[in-house]
Amino acid sequence: MDVSRIIDLFLYTVPAVITGVIAYYFFREHTKNEAGRRRFLLKKELQVNALPTRLQAYERMALFLERISPSKLLVRVNPLSDNRNEYEALLLQNIEQEFEHNLSQQIYVSDRCWSIIIAAKNATIQLIRRAGLSEKTDSANKLREVILTEMMERTPPSDAALSFIKEELSDLW
């Protein structure tokens, strides 16, 4: 009688254990899926909230690149005196101030984009310094003339960075 009672107990216990194991796996998968869904919704919400900020950062960096374009920089920043070195320093100071003003935007743009923006800034600075070292430049107005002449012969460094920004923005859509 003990054997038949053990068999009966076994027959009742096995289905209960199987049901418990199935329920455990079902609820485990369900909670995993639910956590994944929550993560997805949170990420989606963060992207929706971050997109305007990212767009604003790209806009500010495009404005920065436009402002440091040599032809526009020379029109905006007039020489205070006829001294070439003072004007060169004024131009470089203006570029650095613009850059420092937009430094925080690097958080919102890609690393590659930020590197290209820095390269454009440095190339513009080098272009101005090279023009300042030229034998033709003996005054601030001559410096402006040499820089503008060089810009007629080639595209400004900021144009390549602007093109990259536009390309990267088109990838966001």
N, C-alpha and C. Protein backbone atom coordinates (compact mmCIF):
# COMPACT_ATOMS: atom_id res chain seq x y z
N MET A 1 0.81 -1.18 0.00
CA MET A 1 0.00 0.00 0.00
C MET A 1 0.87 1.26 0.00
N ASP A 2 1.97 1.17 0.58
CA ASP A 2 2.88 2.32 0.59
C ASP A 2 3.41 2.63 -0.81
N VAL A 3 3.65 1.57 -1.59
CA VAL A 3 4.16 1.76 -2.95
C VAL A 3 3.09 2.42 -3.81
N SER A 4 1.86 1.99 -3.70
CA SER A 4 0.79 2.59 -4.51
C SER A 4 0.55 4.04 -4.08
N ARG A 5 0.73 4.32 -2.83
CA ARG A 5 0.56 5.69 -2.33
C ARG A 5 1.70 6.59 -2.85
N ILE A 6 2.89 6.06 -2.91
CA ILE A 6 4.04 6.81 -3.44
C ILE A 6 3.84 7.07 -4.93
N ILE A 7 3.33 6.07 -5.64
CA ILE A 7 3.07 6.23 -7.07
C ILE A 7 1.99 7.28 -7.29
N ASP A 8 0.93 7.27 -6.49
CA ASP A 8 -0.12 8.28 -6.60
C ASP A 8 0.45 9.67 -6.32
N LEU A 9 1.27 9.76 -5.29
CA LEU A 9 1.90 11.04 -4.94
C LEU A 9 2.80 11.51 -6.10
N PHE A 10 3.52 10.60 -6.69
CA PHE A 10 4.39 10.89 -7.83
C PHE A 10 3.56 11.36 -9.03
N LEU A 11 2.42 10.71 -9.28
CA LEU A 11 1.56 11.07 -10.41
C LEU A 11 0.94 12.47 -10.23
N TYR A 12 0.72 12.86 -9.00
CA TYR A 12 0.18 14.20 -8.76
C TYR A 12 1.30 15.26 -8.77
N THR A 13 2.46 14.89 -8.32
CA THR A 13 3.57 15.84 -8.19
C THR A 13 4.21 16.17 -9.54
N VAL A 14 4.38 15.17 -10.40
CA VAL A 14 5.05 15.39 -11.68
C VAL A 14 4.33 16.44 -12.52
N PRO A 15 3.01 16.37 -12.72
CA PRO A 15 2.34 17.42 -13.51
C PRO A 15 2.46 18.81 -12.85
N ALA A 16 2.41 18.84 -11.52
CA ALA A 16 2.53 20.12 -10.83
C ALA A 16 3.92 20.71 -11.04
N VAL A 17 4.96 19.90 -10.96
CA VAL A 17 6.34 20.36 -11.18
C VAL A 17 6.51 20.83 -12.62
N ILE A 18 5.98 20.07 -13.57
CA ILE A 18 6.09 20.44 -14.99
C ILE A 18 5.38 21.76 -15.24
N THR A 19 4.18 21.92 -14.66
CA THR A 19 3.44 23.17 -14.79
C THR A 19 4.22 24.33 -14.16
N GLY A 20 4.83 24.10 -13.02
CA GLY A 20 5.62 25.13 -12.35
C GLY A 20 6.83 25.55 -13.17
N VAL A 21 7.52 24.57 -13.77
CA VAL A 21 8.70 24.86 -14.60
C VAL A 21 8.29 25.66 -15.84
N ILE A 22 7.21 25.26 -16.47
CA ILE A 22 6.72 25.98 -17.66
C ILE A 22 6.32 27.41 -17.28
N ALA A 23 5.63 27.55 -16.15
CA ALA A 23 5.23 28.89 -15.69
C ALA A 23 6.46 29.75 -15.40
N TYR A 24 7.48 29.16 -14.79
CA TYR A 24 8.71 29.89 -14.47
C TYR A 24 9.35 30.40 -15.76
N TYR A 25 9.53 29.55 -16.76
CA TYR A 25 10.14 29.97 -18.02
C TYR A 25 9.27 30.99 -18.75
N PHE A 26 7.98 30.82 -18.71
CA PHE A 26 7.07 31.77 -19.34
C PHE A 26 7.21 33.15 -18.70
N PHE A 27 7.16 33.23 -17.38
CA PHE A 27 7.26 34.51 -16.70
C PHE A 27 8.64 35.13 -16.84
N ARG A 28 9.68 34.30 -16.88
CA ARG A 28 11.03 34.82 -17.07
C ARG A 28 11.15 35.48 -18.45
N GLU A 29 10.67 34.83 -19.49
CA GLU A 29 10.70 35.39 -20.83
C GLU A 29 9.83 36.64 -20.92
N HIS A 30 8.69 36.58 -20.27
CA HIS A 30 7.79 37.72 -20.27
C HIS A 30 8.46 38.94 -19.62
N THR A 31 9.10 38.76 -18.47
CA THR A 31 9.76 39.88 -17.81
C THR A 31 10.95 40.39 -18.62
N LYS A 32 11.66 39.50 -19.30
CA LYS A 32 12.76 39.91 -20.18
C LYS A 32 12.23 40.78 -21.32
N ASN A 33 11.15 40.31 -21.95
CA ASN A 33 10.55 41.08 -23.04
C ASN A 33 10.03 42.42 -22.56
N GLU A 34 9.44 42.42 -21.40
CA GLU A 34 8.89 43.66 -20.84
C GLU A 34 10.01 44.65 -20.53
N ALA A 35 11.11 44.16 -19.98
CA ALA A 35 12.26 45.04 -19.70
C ALA A 35 12.83 45.59 -21.01
N GLY A 36 12.93 44.75 -22.03
CA GLY A 36 13.41 45.20 -23.34
C GLY A 36 12.49 46.24 -23.96
N ARG A 37 11.21 46.04 -23.81
CA ARG A 37 10.23 47.00 -24.33
C ARG A 37 10.36 48.34 -23.61
N ARG A 38 10.52 48.29 -22.29
CA ARG A 38 10.69 49.53 -21.53
C ARG A 38 11.96 50.27 -21.95
N ARG A 39 13.04 49.51 -22.12
CA ARG A 39 14.30 50.11 -22.57
C ARG A 39 14.13 50.76 -23.95
N PHE A 40 13.45 50.06 -24.85
CA PHE A 40 13.21 50.59 -26.18
C PHE A 40 12.40 51.88 -26.12
N LEU A 41 11.34 51.89 -25.33
CA LEU A 41 10.50 53.08 -25.22
C LEU A 41 11.26 54.24 -24.60
N LEU A 42 12.08 53.95 -23.59
CA LEU A 42 12.88 54.99 -22.96
C LEU A 42 13.89 55.56 -23.95
N LYS A 43 14.55 54.69 -24.69
CA LYS A 43 15.53 55.14 -25.68
C LYS A 43 14.85 55.97 -26.77
N LYS A 44 13.68 55.53 -27.19
CA LYS A 44 12.93 56.26 -28.21
C LYS A 44 12.55 57.65 -27.70
N GLU A 45 12.11 57.72 -26.46
CA GLU A 45 11.73 59.00 -25.87
C GLU A 45 12.95 59.91 -25.74
N LEU A 46 14.08 59.35 -25.33
CA LEU A 46 15.29 60.15 -25.21
C LEU A 46 15.74 60.68 -26.57
N GLN A 47 15.60 59.85 -27.61
CA GLN A 47 15.97 60.30 -28.94
C GLN A 47 15.08 61.43 -29.42
N VAL A 48 13.79 61.32 -29.13
CA VAL A 48 12.86 62.37 -29.52
C VAL A 48 13.22 63.67 -28.81
N ASN A 49 13.58 63.57 -27.54
CA ASN A 49 13.93 64.76 -26.77
C ASN A 49 15.30 65.31 -27.17
N ALA A 50 16.24 64.43 -27.56
CA ALA A 50 17.60 64.86 -27.87
C ALA A 50 17.74 65.37 -29.31
N LEU A 51 16.86 64.97 -30.20
CA LEU A 51 16.98 65.37 -31.60
C LEU A 51 17.00 66.88 -31.79
N PRO A 52 16.10 67.64 -31.17
CA PRO A 52 16.17 69.10 -31.36
C PRO A 52 17.50 69.69 -30.86
N THR A 53 18.02 69.15 -29.78
CA THR A 53 19.29 69.63 -29.24
C THR A 53 20.43 69.31 -30.19
N ARG A 54 20.42 68.11 -30.75
CA ARG A 54 21.46 67.73 -31.72
C ARG A 54 21.37 68.60 -32.97
N LEU A 55 20.15 68.84 -33.44
CA LEU A 55 19.98 69.70 -34.61
C LEU A 55 20.49 71.11 -34.34
N GLN A 56 20.22 71.59 -33.14
CA GLN A 56 20.70 72.93 -32.77
C GLN A 56 22.23 72.95 -32.73
N ALA A 57 22.84 71.88 -32.25
CA ALA A 57 24.30 71.81 -32.20
C ALA A 57 24.88 71.85 -33.61
N TYR A 58 24.28 71.07 -34.52
CA TYR A 58 24.76 71.08 -35.90
C TYR A 58 24.56 72.47 -36.53
N GLU A 59 23.46 73.09 -36.19
CA GLU A 59 23.19 74.44 -36.70
C GLU A 59 24.25 75.42 -36.19
N ARG A 60 24.57 75.33 -34.91
CA ARG A 60 25.57 76.24 -34.35
C ARG A 60 26.95 75.99 -34.94
N MET A 61 27.26 74.72 -35.19
CA MET A 61 28.57 74.42 -35.78
C MET A 61 28.63 74.89 -37.23
N ALA A 62 27.51 74.81 -37.94
CA ALA A 62 27.47 75.33 -39.31
C ALA A 62 27.66 76.85 -39.29
N LEU A 63 27.04 77.52 -38.34
CA LEU A 63 27.20 78.96 -38.20
C LEU A 63 28.66 79.30 -37.86
N PHE A 64 29.26 78.53 -36.98
CA PHE A 64 30.67 78.72 -36.63
C PHE A 64 31.55 78.62 -37.88
N LEU A 65 31.32 77.58 -38.68
CA LEU A 65 32.13 77.38 -39.89
C LEU A 65 31.92 78.52 -40.88
N GLU A 66 30.69 79.00 -40.98
CA GLU A 66 30.43 80.14 -41.86
C GLU A 66 31.15 81.39 -41.36
N ARG A 67 31.15 81.58 -40.05
CA ARG A 67 31.76 82.78 -39.47
C ARG A 67 33.29 82.76 -39.58
N ILE A 68 33.90 81.57 -39.59
CA ILE A 68 35.37 81.53 -39.70
C ILE A 68 35.84 81.38 -41.14
N SER A 69 34.91 81.30 -42.07
CA SER A 69 35.30 81.28 -43.48
C SER A 69 36.07 82.56 -43.76
N PRO A 70 37.28 82.47 -44.31
CA PRO A 70 38.14 83.66 -44.44
C PRO A 70 37.47 84.85 -45.12
N SER A 71 36.74 84.63 -46.18
CA SER A 71 36.12 85.77 -46.87
C SER A 71 35.10 86.47 -45.97
N LYS A 72 34.33 85.71 -45.22
CA LYS A 72 33.33 86.32 -44.33
C LYS A 72 33.98 86.91 -43.07
N LEU A 73 35.03 86.26 -42.62
CA LEU A 73 35.76 86.75 -41.44
C LEU A 73 36.39 88.10 -41.73
N LEU A 74 36.97 88.25 -42.93
CA LEU A 74 37.64 89.52 -43.29
C LEU A 74 36.64 90.65 -43.45
N VAL A 75 35.45 90.34 -43.89
CA VAL A 75 34.42 91.38 -44.03
C VAL A 75 33.91 91.80 -42.65
N ARG A 76 33.77 90.83 -41.75
CA ARG A 76 33.21 91.09 -40.42
C ARG A 76 34.22 91.75 -39.48
N VAL A 77 35.49 91.35 -39.58
CA VAL A 77 36.51 91.86 -38.66
C VAL A 77 37.41 92.83 -39.43
N ASN A 78 37.23 94.10 -39.15
CA ASN A 78 38.02 95.13 -39.82
C ASN A 78 39.29 95.41 -39.02
N PRO A 79 40.36 95.78 -39.71
CA PRO A 79 41.61 96.08 -38.99
C PRO A 79 41.46 97.33 -38.12
N LEU A 80 42.07 97.28 -36.95
CA LEU A 80 42.02 98.44 -36.05
C LEU A 80 43.12 99.43 -36.38
N SER A 81 44.19 98.92 -36.98
CA SER A 81 45.29 99.77 -37.41
C SER A 81 45.83 99.18 -38.72
N ASP A 82 46.91 99.77 -39.21
CA ASP A 82 47.50 99.29 -40.46
C ASP A 82 48.54 98.20 -40.19
N ASN A 83 48.75 97.85 -38.93
CA ASN A 83 49.76 96.85 -38.56
C ASN A 83 49.27 95.44 -38.92
N ARG A 84 50.06 94.77 -39.74
CA ARG A 84 49.72 93.43 -40.22
C ARG A 84 49.65 92.42 -39.07
N ASN A 85 50.62 92.47 -38.17
CA ASN A 85 50.67 91.50 -37.06
C ASN A 85 49.48 91.66 -36.11
N GLU A 86 49.09 92.90 -35.85
CA GLU A 86 47.93 93.14 -34.98
C GLU A 86 46.65 92.61 -35.62
N TYR A 87 46.53 92.83 -36.92
CA TYR A 87 45.33 92.36 -37.61
C TYR A 87 45.29 90.84 -37.67
N GLU A 88 46.44 90.23 -37.92
CA GLU A 88 46.52 88.76 -37.92
C GLU A 88 46.12 88.21 -36.55
N ALA A 89 46.64 88.83 -35.49
CA ALA A 89 46.30 88.40 -34.13
C ALA A 89 44.80 88.60 -33.85
N LEU A 90 44.24 89.68 -34.36
CA LEU A 90 42.82 89.95 -34.18
C LEU A 90 41.97 88.89 -34.87
N LEU A 91 42.36 88.52 -36.09
CA LEU A 91 41.63 87.48 -36.82
C LEU A 91 41.70 86.15 -36.08
N LEU A 92 42.89 85.79 -35.64
CA LEU A 92 43.06 84.52 -34.93
C LEU A 92 42.32 84.52 -33.60
N GLN A 93 42.34 85.64 -32.91
CA GLN A 93 41.61 85.77 -31.65
C GLN A 93 40.11 85.61 -31.89
N ASN A 94 39.62 86.17 -32.97
CA ASN A 94 38.19 86.07 -33.30
C ASN A 94 37.81 84.62 -33.57
N ILE A 95 38.65 83.89 -34.30
CA ILE A 95 38.38 82.48 -34.58
C ILE A 95 38.37 81.68 -33.28
N GLU A 96 39.34 81.91 -32.43
CA GLU A 96 39.42 81.17 -31.16
C GLU A 96 38.22 81.49 -30.26
N GLN A 97 37.78 82.74 -30.24
CA GLN A 97 36.62 83.10 -29.44
C GLN A 97 35.36 82.40 -29.95
N GLU A 98 35.21 82.39 -31.26
CA GLU A 98 34.06 81.68 -31.86
C GLU A 98 34.08 80.21 -31.48
N PHE A 99 35.27 79.63 -31.54
CA PHE A 99 35.42 78.21 -31.24
C PHE A 99 35.10 77.93 -29.77
N GLU A 100 35.64 78.73 -28.89
CA GLU A 100 35.40 78.54 -27.45
C GLU A 100 33.92 78.72 -27.12
N HIS A 101 33.26 79.60 -27.83
CA HIS A 101 31.84 79.83 -27.61
C HIS A 101 31.01 78.58 -27.97
N ASN A 102 31.50 77.81 -28.93
CA ASN A 102 30.77 76.62 -29.39
C ASN A 102 31.38 75.31 -28.92
N LEU A 103 32.29 75.36 -28.00
CA LEU A 103 33.02 74.18 -27.54
C LEU A 103 32.11 73.10 -26.97
N SER A 104 31.05 73.50 -26.30
CA SER A 104 30.17 72.51 -25.67
C SER A 104 29.36 71.70 -26.69
N GLN A 105 29.33 72.14 -27.93
CA GLN A 105 28.53 71.44 -28.94
C GLN A 105 29.12 70.09 -29.32
N GLN A 106 30.38 69.86 -28.94
CA GLN A 106 31.01 68.58 -29.27
C GLN A 106 30.30 67.40 -28.64
N ILE A 107 29.53 67.65 -27.60
CA ILE A 107 28.77 66.59 -26.93
C ILE A 107 27.70 66.03 -27.86
N TYR A 108 27.15 66.87 -28.72
CA TYR A 108 25.99 66.50 -29.52
C TYR A 108 26.32 66.08 -30.95
N VAL A 109 27.56 66.30 -31.39
CA VAL A 109 27.94 65.90 -32.75
C VAL A 109 28.85 64.67 -32.66
N SER A 110 28.97 63.96 -33.75
CA SER A 110 29.80 62.75 -33.75
C SER A 110 31.27 63.13 -33.60
N ASP A 111 32.07 62.18 -33.16
CA ASP A 111 33.51 62.42 -32.99
C ASP A 111 34.17 62.78 -34.31
N ARG A 112 33.76 62.09 -35.36
CA ARG A 112 34.34 62.36 -36.68
C ARG A 112 34.00 63.77 -37.14
N CYS A 113 32.76 64.18 -36.92
CA CYS A 113 32.33 65.52 -37.30
C CYS A 113 33.12 66.57 -36.52
N TRP A 114 33.30 66.34 -35.23
CA TRP A 114 34.04 67.28 -34.39
C TRP A 114 35.49 67.38 -34.86
N SER A 115 36.08 66.26 -35.22
CA SER A 115 37.46 66.27 -35.72
C SER A 115 37.57 67.06 -37.01
N ILE A 116 36.59 66.92 -37.88
CA ILE A 116 36.61 67.65 -39.14
C ILE A 116 36.44 69.15 -38.90
N ILE A 117 35.61 69.51 -37.94
CA ILE A 117 35.42 70.93 -37.60
C ILE A 117 36.71 71.52 -37.05
N ILE A 118 37.39 70.78 -36.18
CA ILE A 118 38.67 71.25 -35.63
C ILE A 118 39.70 71.38 -36.74
N ALA A 119 39.71 70.42 -37.66
CA ALA A 119 40.66 70.48 -38.78
C ALA A 119 40.39 71.71 -39.65
N ALA A 120 39.12 72.02 -39.88
CA ALA A 120 38.78 73.22 -40.67
C ALA A 120 39.22 74.49 -39.95
N LYS A 121 39.02 74.53 -38.65
CA LYS A 121 39.45 75.70 -37.86
C LYS A 121 40.96 75.85 -37.95
N ASN A 122 41.69 74.75 -37.74
CA ASN A 122 43.15 74.81 -37.77
C ASN A 122 43.68 75.17 -39.16
N ALA A 123 43.03 74.66 -40.20
CA ALA A 123 43.44 74.98 -41.57
C ALA A 123 43.22 76.46 -41.86
N THR A 124 42.13 77.01 -41.35
CA THR A 124 41.86 78.44 -41.54
C THR A 124 42.90 79.28 -40.81
N ILE A 125 43.25 78.87 -39.60
CA ILE A 125 44.28 79.58 -38.84
C ILE A 125 45.61 79.52 -39.59
N GLN A 126 45.94 78.35 -40.10
CA GLN A 126 47.19 78.20 -40.84
C GLN A 126 47.21 79.04 -42.11
N LEU A 127 46.08 79.10 -42.78
CA LEU A 127 45.97 79.92 -44.00
C LEU A 127 46.27 81.38 -43.67
N ILE A 128 45.71 81.87 -42.57
CA ILE A 128 45.93 83.27 -42.16
C ILE A 128 47.39 83.48 -41.77
N ARG A 129 47.96 82.53 -41.05
CA ARG A 129 49.37 82.66 -40.65
C ARG A 129 50.31 82.63 -41.85
N ARG A 130 50.00 81.74 -42.81
CA ARG A 130 50.82 81.67 -44.03
C ARG A 130 50.76 82.98 -44.79
N ALA A 131 49.55 83.54 -44.87
CA ALA A 131 49.40 84.82 -45.56
C ALA A 131 50.16 85.92 -44.83
N GLY A 132 50.20 85.85 -43.50
CA GLY A 132 50.94 86.84 -42.72
C GLY A 132 52.43 86.73 -42.90
N LEU A 133 52.92 85.54 -43.20
CA LEU A 133 54.35 85.33 -43.40
C LEU A 133 54.80 85.69 -44.83
N SER A 134 53.84 85.87 -45.70
CA SER A 134 54.15 86.18 -47.10
C SER A 134 54.90 87.51 -47.19
N GLU A 135 55.83 87.59 -48.15
CA GLU A 135 56.61 88.82 -48.33
C GLU A 135 55.76 89.97 -48.86
N LYS A 136 54.64 89.62 -49.49
CA LYS A 136 53.77 90.65 -50.06
C LYS A 136 53.02 91.44 -48.99
N THR A 137 52.85 90.83 -47.83
CA THR A 137 52.01 91.47 -46.81
C THR A 137 52.85 92.37 -45.92
N ASP A 138 52.65 93.67 -46.10
CA ASP A 138 53.35 94.63 -45.24
C ASP A 138 52.38 95.48 -44.43
N SER A 139 51.06 95.30 -44.72
CA SER A 139 50.06 96.05 -43.96
C SER A 139 48.83 95.16 -43.75
N ALA A 140 47.93 95.64 -42.93
CA ALA A 140 46.71 94.89 -42.64
C ALA A 140 45.87 94.73 -43.91
N ASN A 141 45.79 95.77 -44.71
CA ASN A 141 45.01 95.69 -45.95
C ASN A 141 45.64 94.73 -46.95
N LYS A 142 46.97 94.70 -47.00
CA LYS A 142 47.65 93.74 -47.88
C LYS A 142 47.38 92.31 -47.41
N LEU A 143 47.34 92.11 -46.09
CA LEU A 143 47.03 90.78 -45.54
C LEU A 143 45.63 90.36 -45.99
N ARG A 144 44.70 91.27 -45.90
CA ARG A 144 43.33 90.97 -46.36
C ARG A 144 43.33 90.61 -47.85
N GLU A 145 44.07 91.36 -48.61
CA GLU A 145 44.14 91.14 -50.05
C GLU A 145 44.73 89.77 -50.38
N VAL A 146 45.81 89.40 -49.70
CA VAL A 146 46.47 88.11 -49.94
C VAL A 146 45.53 86.96 -49.57
N ILE A 147 44.85 87.08 -48.45
CA ILE A 147 43.92 86.02 -48.02
C ILE A 147 42.76 85.89 -49.01
N LEU A 148 42.19 87.01 -49.42
CA LEU A 148 41.07 86.97 -50.36
C LEU A 148 41.51 86.42 -51.72
N THR A 149 42.71 86.75 -52.15
CA THR A 149 43.22 86.21 -53.42
C THR A 149 43.37 84.70 -53.33
N GLU A 150 43.87 84.24 -52.21
CA GLU A 150 44.02 82.79 -52.05
C GLU A 150 42.65 82.11 -52.02
N MET A 151 41.66 82.76 -51.45
CA MET A 151 40.31 82.18 -51.40
C MET A 151 39.65 82.14 -52.78
N MET A 152 40.10 83.00 -53.69
CA MET A 152 39.58 82.95 -55.05
C MET A 152 40.14 81.73 -55.79
N GLU A 153 41.36 81.32 -55.41
CA GLU A 153 42.03 80.21 -56.08
C GLU A 153 41.61 78.86 -55.55
N ARG A 154 41.17 78.80 -54.31
CA ARG A 154 40.76 77.52 -53.71
C ARG A 154 39.58 77.72 -52.77
N THR A 155 38.96 76.61 -52.41
CA THR A 155 37.80 76.71 -51.53
C THR A 155 38.26 76.84 -50.07
N PRO A 156 37.49 77.52 -49.28
CA PRO A 156 37.84 77.67 -47.86
C PRO A 156 37.79 76.31 -47.14
N PRO A 157 38.62 76.12 -46.14
CA PRO A 157 38.62 74.86 -45.39
C PRO A 157 37.28 74.56 -44.73
N SER A 158 36.55 75.59 -44.38
CA SER A 158 35.27 75.38 -43.70
C SER A 158 34.21 74.78 -44.63
N ASP A 159 34.38 74.92 -45.94
CA ASP A 159 33.40 74.37 -46.88
C ASP A 159 33.33 72.84 -46.81
N ALA A 160 34.48 72.20 -46.67
CA ALA A 160 34.50 70.73 -46.57
C ALA A 160 33.80 70.28 -45.29
N ALA A 161 34.05 71.00 -44.21
CA ALA A 161 33.39 70.65 -42.94
C ALA A 161 31.89 70.89 -43.02
N LEU A 162 31.48 71.96 -43.68
CA LEU A 162 30.04 72.22 -43.86
C LEU A 162 29.39 71.11 -44.67
N SER A 163 30.07 70.66 -45.70
CA SER A 163 29.53 69.56 -46.51
C SER A 163 29.37 68.30 -45.66
N PHE A 164 30.35 68.05 -44.79
CA PHE A 164 30.27 66.87 -43.93
C PHE A 164 29.09 66.99 -42.97
N ILE A 165 28.89 68.17 -42.41
CA ILE A 165 27.76 68.39 -41.49
C ILE A 165 26.44 68.12 -42.22
N LYS A 166 26.32 68.63 -43.43
CA LYS A 166 25.09 68.41 -44.19
C LYS A 166 24.88 66.92 -44.47
N GLU A 167 25.96 66.23 -44.79
CA GLU A 167 25.87 64.80 -45.05
C GLU A 167 25.47 64.04 -43.79
N GLU A 168 26.05 64.41 -42.68
CA GLU A 168 25.73 63.73 -41.42
C GLU A 168 24.28 64.01 -41.01
N LEU A 169 23.81 65.21 -41.25
CA LEU A 169 22.41 65.53 -40.93
C LEU A 169 21.45 64.76 -41.82
N SER A 170 21.83 64.57 -43.05
CA SER A 170 20.93 63.79 -43.94
C SER A 170 20.83 62.35 -43.47
N ASP A 171 21.87 61.85 -42.80
CA ASP A 171 21.81 60.50 -42.24
C ASP A 171 20.87 60.40 -41.04
N LEU A 172 20.63 61.52 -40.37
CA LEU A 172 19.73 61.52 -39.21
C LEU A 172 18.27 61.29 -39.62
N TRP A 173 17.94 61.66 -40.83
CA TRP A 173 16.56 61.53 -41.28
C TRP A 173 16.37 60.17 -41.78
